[in-house]
N, C-alpha and C. Protein backbone atom coordinates (compact mmCIF):
# COMPACT_ATOMS: atom_id res chain seq x y z
N MET A 1 -8.46 -16.96 -52.87
CA MET A 1 -9.84 -16.61 -52.56
C MET A 1 -10.38 -17.71 -51.66
N ASP A 2 -10.92 -17.33 -50.50
CA ASP A 2 -11.43 -18.35 -49.60
C ASP A 2 -12.83 -18.79 -50.01
N GLU A 3 -13.28 -19.88 -49.40
CA GLU A 3 -14.55 -20.51 -49.79
C GLU A 3 -15.74 -19.58 -49.59
N GLU A 4 -15.72 -18.78 -48.50
CA GLU A 4 -16.82 -17.87 -48.23
C GLU A 4 -16.94 -16.81 -49.32
N ASN A 5 -15.80 -16.28 -49.78
CA ASN A 5 -15.83 -15.28 -50.84
C ASN A 5 -16.31 -15.88 -52.16
N VAL A 6 -15.95 -17.14 -52.43
CA VAL A 6 -16.44 -17.82 -53.64
C VAL A 6 -17.95 -17.93 -53.57
N HIS A 7 -18.47 -18.29 -52.38
CA HIS A 7 -19.91 -18.42 -52.20
C HIS A 7 -20.60 -17.07 -52.42
N GLU A 8 -20.04 -16.00 -51.82
CA GLU A 8 -20.63 -14.68 -51.99
C GLU A 8 -20.57 -14.24 -53.45
N ALA A 9 -19.44 -14.51 -54.11
CA ALA A 9 -19.29 -14.12 -55.51
C ALA A 9 -20.28 -14.86 -56.39
N SER A 10 -20.58 -16.11 -56.02
CA SER A 10 -21.52 -16.89 -56.82
C SER A 10 -22.95 -16.39 -56.65
N ARG A 11 -23.21 -15.55 -55.64
CA ARG A 11 -24.55 -15.03 -55.42
C ARG A 11 -24.74 -13.67 -56.06
N GLY A 12 -23.88 -13.30 -56.98
CA GLY A 12 -24.09 -12.06 -57.72
C GLY A 12 -23.18 -10.93 -57.29
N LEU A 13 -22.35 -11.13 -56.30
CA LEU A 13 -21.42 -10.09 -55.89
C LEU A 13 -20.11 -10.25 -56.66
N THR A 14 -19.45 -9.15 -56.91
CA THR A 14 -18.12 -9.25 -57.50
C THR A 14 -17.17 -9.76 -56.43
N LEU A 15 -16.03 -10.23 -56.86
CA LEU A 15 -15.03 -10.73 -55.91
C LEU A 15 -14.64 -9.63 -54.93
N ASP A 16 -14.44 -8.42 -55.43
CA ASP A 16 -14.08 -7.30 -54.55
C ASP A 16 -15.18 -7.03 -53.53
N GLN A 17 -16.44 -7.06 -53.98
CA GLN A 17 -17.55 -6.84 -53.06
C GLN A 17 -17.60 -7.93 -52.00
N ALA A 18 -17.42 -9.18 -52.42
CA ALA A 18 -17.47 -10.30 -51.48
C ALA A 18 -16.33 -10.20 -50.48
N GLN A 19 -15.13 -9.85 -50.96
CA GLN A 19 -14.00 -9.71 -50.04
C GLN A 19 -14.21 -8.54 -49.10
N PHE A 20 -14.73 -7.43 -49.61
CA PHE A 20 -15.01 -6.27 -48.76
C PHE A 20 -16.05 -6.63 -47.70
N LEU A 21 -17.09 -7.33 -48.13
CA LEU A 21 -18.14 -7.74 -47.21
C LEU A 21 -17.58 -8.64 -46.12
N GLY A 22 -16.73 -9.57 -46.51
CA GLY A 22 -16.10 -10.46 -45.53
C GLY A 22 -15.22 -9.70 -44.56
N SER A 23 -14.45 -8.75 -45.06
CA SER A 23 -13.57 -7.99 -44.16
C SER A 23 -14.39 -7.09 -43.25
N GLN A 24 -15.49 -6.53 -43.75
CA GLN A 24 -16.37 -5.72 -42.91
C GLN A 24 -16.96 -6.55 -41.78
N GLN A 25 -17.40 -7.77 -42.11
CA GLN A 25 -17.98 -8.63 -41.09
C GLN A 25 -16.94 -9.00 -40.05
N ARG A 26 -15.73 -9.30 -40.48
CA ARG A 26 -14.66 -9.62 -39.52
C ARG A 26 -14.34 -8.41 -38.65
N GLN A 27 -14.31 -7.24 -39.27
CA GLN A 27 -14.04 -6.02 -38.51
C GLN A 27 -15.15 -5.77 -37.49
N ASP A 28 -16.40 -5.94 -37.89
CA ASP A 28 -17.52 -5.76 -36.97
C ASP A 28 -17.44 -6.75 -35.81
N GLU A 29 -17.06 -8.00 -36.11
CA GLU A 29 -16.92 -8.99 -35.06
C GLU A 29 -15.82 -8.59 -34.08
N LEU A 30 -14.73 -8.07 -34.60
CA LEU A 30 -13.63 -7.63 -33.73
C LEU A 30 -14.06 -6.45 -32.86
N PHE A 31 -14.80 -5.50 -33.43
CA PHE A 31 -15.28 -4.38 -32.63
C PHE A 31 -16.21 -4.87 -31.52
N ALA A 32 -17.06 -5.83 -31.82
CA ALA A 32 -17.96 -6.37 -30.80
C ALA A 32 -17.16 -7.04 -29.69
N GLN A 33 -16.13 -7.79 -30.07
CA GLN A 33 -15.29 -8.44 -29.07
C GLN A 33 -14.56 -7.40 -28.22
N ILE A 34 -14.08 -6.34 -28.83
CA ILE A 34 -13.41 -5.28 -28.08
C ILE A 34 -14.38 -4.65 -27.09
N ASP A 35 -15.62 -4.39 -27.53
CA ASP A 35 -16.63 -3.83 -26.63
C ASP A 35 -16.89 -4.77 -25.45
N GLN A 36 -16.99 -6.06 -25.73
CA GLN A 36 -17.22 -7.03 -24.65
C GLN A 36 -16.06 -7.05 -23.68
N LEU A 37 -14.84 -7.03 -24.20
CA LEU A 37 -13.66 -7.02 -23.32
C LEU A 37 -13.61 -5.73 -22.50
N THR A 38 -13.98 -4.62 -23.10
CA THR A 38 -14.01 -3.36 -22.37
C THR A 38 -15.00 -3.44 -21.22
N GLN A 39 -16.16 -4.03 -21.46
CA GLN A 39 -17.15 -4.19 -20.39
C GLN A 39 -16.60 -5.05 -19.27
N VAL A 40 -15.91 -6.13 -19.62
CA VAL A 40 -15.34 -7.01 -18.61
C VAL A 40 -14.32 -6.26 -17.76
N VAL A 41 -13.45 -5.51 -18.41
CA VAL A 41 -12.43 -4.74 -17.69
C VAL A 41 -13.09 -3.70 -16.78
N GLU A 42 -14.13 -3.03 -17.28
CA GLU A 42 -14.82 -2.04 -16.45
C GLU A 42 -15.47 -2.70 -15.24
N ARG A 43 -16.09 -3.86 -15.43
CA ARG A 43 -16.69 -4.57 -14.29
C ARG A 43 -15.63 -4.99 -13.28
N MET A 44 -14.49 -5.44 -13.80
CA MET A 44 -13.41 -5.85 -12.90
C MET A 44 -12.91 -4.66 -12.09
N ALA A 45 -12.79 -3.50 -12.73
CA ALA A 45 -12.33 -2.30 -12.03
C ALA A 45 -13.34 -1.90 -10.96
N LEU A 46 -14.63 -1.98 -11.28
CA LEU A 46 -15.65 -1.65 -10.29
C LEU A 46 -15.63 -2.64 -9.13
N ALA A 47 -15.47 -3.91 -9.44
CA ALA A 47 -15.43 -4.93 -8.39
C ALA A 47 -14.21 -4.72 -7.49
N ARG A 48 -13.11 -4.36 -8.08
CA ARG A 48 -11.88 -4.14 -7.31
C ARG A 48 -12.03 -2.93 -6.40
N ALA A 49 -12.78 -1.92 -6.85
CA ALA A 49 -12.97 -0.71 -6.05
C ALA A 49 -14.01 -0.91 -4.95
N ALA A 50 -14.80 -1.97 -5.03
CA ALA A 50 -15.85 -2.23 -4.03
C ALA A 50 -15.21 -2.61 -2.70
N PRO A 51 -15.90 -2.31 -1.58
CA PRO A 51 -15.37 -2.71 -0.27
C PRO A 51 -15.26 -4.23 -0.19
N PRO A 52 -14.34 -4.75 0.64
CA PRO A 52 -14.10 -6.20 0.70
C PRO A 52 -15.35 -7.03 0.97
N HIS A 53 -16.25 -6.56 1.84
CA HIS A 53 -17.44 -7.35 2.15
C HIS A 53 -18.39 -7.46 0.95
N ALA A 54 -18.29 -6.53 0.00
CA ALA A 54 -19.15 -6.57 -1.19
C ALA A 54 -18.59 -7.51 -2.25
N ARG A 55 -17.33 -7.94 -2.07
CA ARG A 55 -16.69 -8.80 -3.07
C ARG A 55 -16.79 -10.27 -2.71
N ARG A 56 -17.67 -10.64 -1.83
CA ARG A 56 -17.77 -12.02 -1.38
C ARG A 56 -18.03 -12.95 -2.55
N VAL A 57 -17.27 -14.01 -2.62
CA VAL A 57 -17.43 -15.01 -3.68
C VAL A 57 -18.42 -16.06 -3.17
N PRO A 58 -19.46 -16.39 -3.94
CA PRO A 58 -20.42 -17.39 -3.48
C PRO A 58 -19.76 -18.75 -3.29
N ARG A 59 -20.24 -19.47 -2.31
CA ARG A 59 -19.73 -20.81 -2.07
C ARG A 59 -20.16 -21.74 -3.19
N GLN A 60 -19.41 -22.81 -3.34
CA GLN A 60 -19.67 -23.77 -4.41
C GLN A 60 -21.08 -24.33 -4.35
N ASN A 61 -21.61 -24.57 -3.14
CA ASN A 61 -22.91 -25.22 -3.02
C ASN A 61 -24.08 -24.23 -3.00
N GLU A 62 -23.80 -22.93 -3.10
CA GLU A 62 -24.89 -21.97 -3.14
C GLU A 62 -25.56 -22.02 -4.50
N GLN A 63 -26.87 -21.90 -4.49
CA GLN A 63 -27.61 -21.94 -5.76
C GLN A 63 -27.39 -20.64 -6.52
N ARG A 64 -27.05 -20.76 -7.76
CA ARG A 64 -26.84 -19.59 -8.59
C ARG A 64 -28.16 -19.13 -9.16
N GLY A 65 -28.19 -17.85 -9.56
CA GLY A 65 -29.39 -17.31 -10.18
C GLY A 65 -29.66 -17.98 -11.52
N VAL A 66 -30.89 -18.01 -11.91
CA VAL A 66 -31.27 -18.63 -13.17
C VAL A 66 -30.60 -17.88 -14.31
N GLY A 67 -29.98 -18.63 -15.18
CA GLY A 67 -29.42 -18.04 -16.39
C GLY A 67 -28.04 -17.43 -16.25
N ASN A 68 -27.36 -17.63 -15.12
CA ASN A 68 -26.03 -17.04 -14.98
C ASN A 68 -25.09 -17.50 -16.08
N ASN A 69 -25.22 -18.74 -16.50
CA ASN A 69 -24.33 -19.27 -17.53
C ASN A 69 -25.02 -19.38 -18.88
N LEU A 70 -26.16 -18.78 -19.01
CA LEU A 70 -26.94 -18.86 -20.23
C LEU A 70 -26.33 -17.95 -21.30
N LYS A 71 -26.16 -18.49 -22.49
CA LYS A 71 -25.65 -17.70 -23.61
C LYS A 71 -26.76 -17.57 -24.64
N LEU A 72 -27.16 -16.35 -24.88
CA LEU A 72 -28.21 -16.08 -25.86
C LEU A 72 -27.57 -15.51 -27.11
N LYS A 73 -28.03 -15.96 -28.25
CA LYS A 73 -27.46 -15.52 -29.53
C LYS A 73 -28.49 -14.70 -30.29
N ILE A 74 -28.03 -13.64 -30.89
CA ILE A 74 -28.90 -12.83 -31.73
C ILE A 74 -29.11 -13.60 -33.03
N PRO A 75 -30.37 -13.77 -33.45
CA PRO A 75 -30.62 -14.52 -34.69
C PRO A 75 -30.18 -13.72 -35.91
N GLN A 76 -29.92 -14.42 -36.98
CA GLN A 76 -29.55 -13.77 -38.24
C GLN A 76 -30.78 -13.13 -38.88
N PHE A 77 -30.53 -12.08 -39.63
CA PHE A 77 -31.59 -11.41 -40.37
C PHE A 77 -31.15 -11.28 -41.82
N LYS A 78 -31.96 -11.87 -42.73
CA LYS A 78 -31.61 -11.89 -44.15
C LYS A 78 -32.18 -10.71 -44.92
N GLY A 79 -33.27 -10.14 -44.43
CA GLY A 79 -33.85 -9.00 -45.13
C GLY A 79 -34.71 -9.39 -46.31
N THR A 80 -35.43 -10.49 -46.19
CA THR A 80 -36.33 -10.90 -47.27
C THR A 80 -37.48 -9.91 -47.36
N SER A 81 -38.37 -10.12 -48.30
CA SER A 81 -39.47 -9.18 -48.49
C SER A 81 -40.63 -9.43 -47.53
N SER A 82 -40.44 -10.28 -46.55
CA SER A 82 -41.51 -10.60 -45.61
C SER A 82 -41.47 -9.67 -44.40
N PRO A 83 -42.50 -8.84 -44.20
CA PRO A 83 -42.53 -7.98 -43.01
C PRO A 83 -42.55 -8.81 -41.73
N GLU A 84 -43.18 -9.99 -41.80
CA GLU A 84 -43.24 -10.86 -40.63
C GLU A 84 -41.84 -11.27 -40.18
N GLU A 85 -40.96 -11.55 -41.16
CA GLU A 85 -39.59 -11.94 -40.81
C GLU A 85 -38.93 -10.83 -40.00
N TYR A 86 -39.06 -9.59 -40.45
CA TYR A 86 -38.45 -8.46 -39.74
C TYR A 86 -39.06 -8.30 -38.35
N LEU A 87 -40.39 -8.30 -38.27
CA LEU A 87 -41.05 -8.06 -36.98
C LEU A 87 -40.72 -9.16 -35.97
N GLU A 88 -40.69 -10.41 -36.42
CA GLU A 88 -40.32 -11.51 -35.52
C GLU A 88 -38.86 -11.40 -35.10
N TRP A 89 -37.99 -11.02 -36.04
CA TRP A 89 -36.57 -10.87 -35.72
C TRP A 89 -36.36 -9.79 -34.66
N VAL A 90 -37.01 -8.64 -34.84
CA VAL A 90 -36.86 -7.55 -33.86
C VAL A 90 -37.34 -7.99 -32.49
N GLN A 91 -38.44 -8.71 -32.46
CA GLN A 91 -38.98 -9.19 -31.18
C GLN A 91 -37.97 -10.10 -30.48
N ARG A 92 -37.37 -11.01 -31.24
CA ARG A 92 -36.40 -11.94 -30.66
C ARG A 92 -35.14 -11.20 -30.21
N VAL A 93 -34.68 -10.25 -31.00
CA VAL A 93 -33.47 -9.49 -30.64
C VAL A 93 -33.74 -8.65 -29.39
N ASP A 94 -34.90 -8.03 -29.31
CA ASP A 94 -35.25 -7.25 -28.12
C ASP A 94 -35.24 -8.12 -26.86
N LYS A 95 -35.67 -9.36 -26.99
CA LYS A 95 -35.64 -10.28 -25.84
C LYS A 95 -34.21 -10.57 -25.40
N VAL A 96 -33.32 -10.76 -26.36
CA VAL A 96 -31.90 -10.97 -26.02
C VAL A 96 -31.36 -9.73 -25.32
N PHE A 97 -31.69 -8.55 -25.84
CA PHE A 97 -31.19 -7.31 -25.25
C PHE A 97 -31.79 -7.04 -23.87
N GLU A 98 -32.99 -7.55 -23.61
CA GLU A 98 -33.57 -7.42 -22.27
C GLU A 98 -32.74 -8.20 -21.25
N TYR A 99 -32.17 -9.31 -21.68
CA TYR A 99 -31.39 -10.17 -20.79
C TYR A 99 -30.02 -9.57 -20.48
N TYR A 100 -29.36 -9.05 -21.51
CA TYR A 100 -28.02 -8.48 -21.35
C TYR A 100 -28.12 -6.97 -21.18
N GLU A 101 -27.15 -6.40 -20.52
CA GLU A 101 -27.13 -4.95 -20.29
C GLU A 101 -26.18 -4.27 -21.27
N TYR A 102 -26.61 -4.15 -22.50
CA TYR A 102 -25.81 -3.47 -23.52
C TYR A 102 -26.26 -2.03 -23.64
N SER A 103 -25.35 -1.16 -24.06
CA SER A 103 -25.73 0.22 -24.36
C SER A 103 -26.51 0.22 -25.68
N GLU A 104 -27.19 1.32 -25.96
CA GLU A 104 -27.94 1.42 -27.21
C GLU A 104 -27.01 1.28 -28.42
N ALA A 105 -25.82 1.86 -28.33
CA ALA A 105 -24.87 1.76 -29.45
C ALA A 105 -24.41 0.32 -29.63
N GLN A 106 -24.13 -0.37 -28.53
CA GLN A 106 -23.70 -1.76 -28.62
C GLN A 106 -24.80 -2.64 -29.20
N LYS A 107 -26.04 -2.36 -28.83
CA LYS A 107 -27.15 -3.14 -29.37
C LYS A 107 -27.19 -3.05 -30.89
N GLY A 108 -27.05 -1.84 -31.41
CA GLY A 108 -27.06 -1.66 -32.86
C GLY A 108 -25.90 -2.38 -33.53
N GLN A 109 -24.72 -2.28 -32.93
CA GLN A 109 -23.55 -2.95 -33.50
C GLN A 109 -23.72 -4.46 -33.49
N LEU A 110 -24.22 -4.99 -32.38
CA LEU A 110 -24.40 -6.44 -32.27
C LEU A 110 -25.47 -6.94 -33.24
N ALA A 111 -26.55 -6.19 -33.37
CA ALA A 111 -27.61 -6.59 -34.31
C ALA A 111 -27.06 -6.62 -35.73
N ALA A 112 -26.27 -5.62 -36.10
CA ALA A 112 -25.73 -5.54 -37.47
C ALA A 112 -24.80 -6.71 -37.78
N LEU A 113 -24.17 -7.27 -36.76
CA LEU A 113 -23.29 -8.42 -36.98
C LEU A 113 -24.06 -9.62 -37.53
N GLU A 114 -25.35 -9.66 -37.28
CA GLU A 114 -26.15 -10.81 -37.70
C GLU A 114 -26.91 -10.56 -39.00
N PHE A 115 -26.63 -9.45 -39.68
CA PHE A 115 -27.23 -9.22 -40.99
C PHE A 115 -26.54 -10.10 -42.01
N THR A 116 -27.34 -10.74 -42.85
CA THR A 116 -26.80 -11.55 -43.95
C THR A 116 -27.54 -11.17 -45.23
N ASP A 117 -27.03 -11.65 -46.32
CA ASP A 117 -27.68 -11.50 -47.62
C ASP A 117 -28.09 -10.05 -47.89
N TYR A 118 -29.34 -9.84 -48.26
CA TYR A 118 -29.78 -8.50 -48.64
C TYR A 118 -29.68 -7.52 -47.47
N ALA A 119 -30.01 -7.96 -46.26
CA ALA A 119 -29.98 -7.06 -45.10
C ALA A 119 -28.59 -6.46 -44.92
N ASN A 120 -27.56 -7.27 -45.09
CA ASN A 120 -26.20 -6.76 -44.93
C ASN A 120 -25.83 -5.77 -46.03
N LEU A 121 -26.20 -6.09 -47.27
CA LEU A 121 -25.93 -5.15 -48.37
C LEU A 121 -26.67 -3.83 -48.15
N TRP A 122 -27.94 -3.93 -47.72
CA TRP A 122 -28.72 -2.73 -47.43
C TRP A 122 -28.05 -1.91 -46.35
N TRP A 123 -27.62 -2.55 -45.26
CA TRP A 123 -27.01 -1.85 -44.14
C TRP A 123 -25.70 -1.15 -44.55
N GLU A 124 -24.86 -1.86 -45.29
CA GLU A 124 -23.61 -1.26 -45.75
C GLU A 124 -23.89 -0.07 -46.65
N ASN A 125 -24.92 -0.16 -47.48
CA ASN A 125 -25.30 0.95 -48.35
C ASN A 125 -25.79 2.14 -47.53
N ILE A 126 -26.60 1.89 -46.50
CA ILE A 126 -27.09 2.96 -45.63
C ILE A 126 -25.92 3.69 -44.98
N LYS A 127 -24.96 2.92 -44.45
CA LYS A 127 -23.81 3.54 -43.78
C LYS A 127 -23.00 4.38 -44.77
N ALA A 128 -22.75 3.83 -45.96
CA ALA A 128 -21.97 4.56 -46.96
C ALA A 128 -22.70 5.82 -47.42
N GLN A 129 -24.01 5.72 -47.60
CA GLN A 129 -24.79 6.86 -48.04
C GLN A 129 -24.77 7.97 -46.99
N ARG A 130 -24.86 7.61 -45.72
CA ARG A 130 -24.83 8.61 -44.64
C ARG A 130 -23.48 9.32 -44.61
N ILE A 131 -22.42 8.58 -44.85
CA ILE A 131 -21.09 9.19 -44.89
C ILE A 131 -21.01 10.17 -46.06
N ARG A 132 -21.49 9.73 -47.24
CA ARG A 132 -21.47 10.60 -48.43
C ARG A 132 -22.29 11.87 -48.20
N ASP A 133 -23.43 11.73 -47.51
CA ASP A 133 -24.32 12.87 -47.28
C ASP A 133 -23.90 13.71 -46.08
N GLY A 134 -22.82 13.32 -45.40
CA GLY A 134 -22.35 14.07 -44.24
C GLY A 134 -23.23 13.91 -43.02
N GLU A 135 -24.02 12.85 -42.98
CA GLU A 135 -24.90 12.61 -41.83
C GLU A 135 -24.14 11.84 -40.75
N ASN A 136 -24.65 11.93 -39.52
CA ASN A 136 -24.04 11.20 -38.41
C ASN A 136 -24.27 9.71 -38.56
N GLU A 137 -23.39 8.95 -37.91
CA GLU A 137 -23.58 7.49 -37.86
C GLU A 137 -24.86 7.18 -37.10
N ILE A 138 -25.39 6.01 -37.35
CA ILE A 138 -26.54 5.54 -36.58
C ILE A 138 -25.97 5.06 -35.26
N ARG A 139 -26.36 5.70 -34.18
CA ARG A 139 -25.73 5.46 -32.88
C ARG A 139 -26.58 4.66 -31.91
N SER A 140 -27.79 4.35 -32.26
CA SER A 140 -28.62 3.64 -31.28
C SER A 140 -29.44 2.54 -31.94
N TRP A 141 -29.81 1.58 -31.14
CA TRP A 141 -30.67 0.48 -31.56
C TRP A 141 -32.01 1.03 -32.00
N TRP A 142 -32.53 2.04 -31.30
CA TRP A 142 -33.83 2.61 -31.67
C TRP A 142 -33.78 3.25 -33.05
N GLU A 143 -32.71 3.98 -33.32
CA GLU A 143 -32.57 4.61 -34.64
C GLU A 143 -32.45 3.54 -35.73
N MET A 144 -31.69 2.50 -35.45
CA MET A 144 -31.53 1.41 -36.42
C MET A 144 -32.87 0.74 -36.68
N LYS A 145 -33.63 0.47 -35.62
CA LYS A 145 -34.93 -0.18 -35.80
C LYS A 145 -35.87 0.69 -36.63
N GLY A 146 -35.81 2.00 -36.43
CA GLY A 146 -36.65 2.90 -37.22
C GLY A 146 -36.34 2.83 -38.70
N LEU A 147 -35.05 2.85 -39.02
CA LEU A 147 -34.64 2.72 -40.43
C LEU A 147 -35.07 1.38 -41.01
N MET A 148 -34.87 0.33 -40.23
CA MET A 148 -35.23 -1.01 -40.70
C MET A 148 -36.73 -1.14 -40.89
N TYR A 149 -37.50 -0.57 -39.97
CA TYR A 149 -38.96 -0.66 -40.09
C TYR A 149 -39.41 0.01 -41.39
N ARG A 150 -38.86 1.20 -41.65
CA ARG A 150 -39.25 1.91 -42.89
C ARG A 150 -38.86 1.12 -44.13
N ARG A 151 -37.78 0.35 -44.06
CA ARG A 151 -37.33 -0.41 -45.23
C ARG A 151 -38.05 -1.75 -45.38
N PHE A 152 -38.24 -2.47 -44.28
CA PHE A 152 -38.69 -3.85 -44.37
C PHE A 152 -40.18 -4.06 -44.06
N VAL A 153 -40.88 -3.00 -43.65
CA VAL A 153 -42.32 -3.12 -43.40
C VAL A 153 -43.04 -2.10 -44.27
N PRO A 154 -43.81 -2.56 -45.25
CA PRO A 154 -44.51 -1.62 -46.14
C PRO A 154 -45.55 -0.79 -45.38
N GLU A 155 -45.85 0.38 -45.91
CA GLU A 155 -46.81 1.28 -45.26
C GLU A 155 -48.18 0.65 -45.09
N TYR A 156 -48.58 -0.18 -46.04
CA TYR A 156 -49.92 -0.78 -45.99
C TYR A 156 -50.02 -1.89 -44.95
N TYR A 157 -48.88 -2.36 -44.44
CA TYR A 157 -48.87 -3.51 -43.52
C TYR A 157 -49.38 -3.08 -42.15
N THR A 158 -50.32 -3.86 -41.60
CA THR A 158 -50.82 -3.56 -40.25
C THR A 158 -50.69 -4.74 -39.35
């Protein structure tokens, strides 16, 4: 049993649940990496198909655009009972997504990678329940945000 599973088990999860959670997170990370690699390959194919004059490589001394090498990280979301935590998290994630050109499906997958604690358990339960009920997967960031809003922001909150 690795240290992460011991930590998860000590927080009230059974060993099987902690191991399943860990394997799900690793699987989600791998899917995100595959999506990123697919995007890179698609961009390379498009660049290769472009006419030679469009493939010009900038000179070393040319000024690059702001943020070309900037790496933005999606913040973690724990799913506490604070509506402010959720609303601030969504705002920050939307800013990251404004910078990168991800599809709606990729946005949802990437956001889910940063769920921890209760948020991750809630998300895994939602996915399992939809499968049991024969419902479609959540395919977009907008759909995911709607479900999260209904769960993490009470009706009385304004």
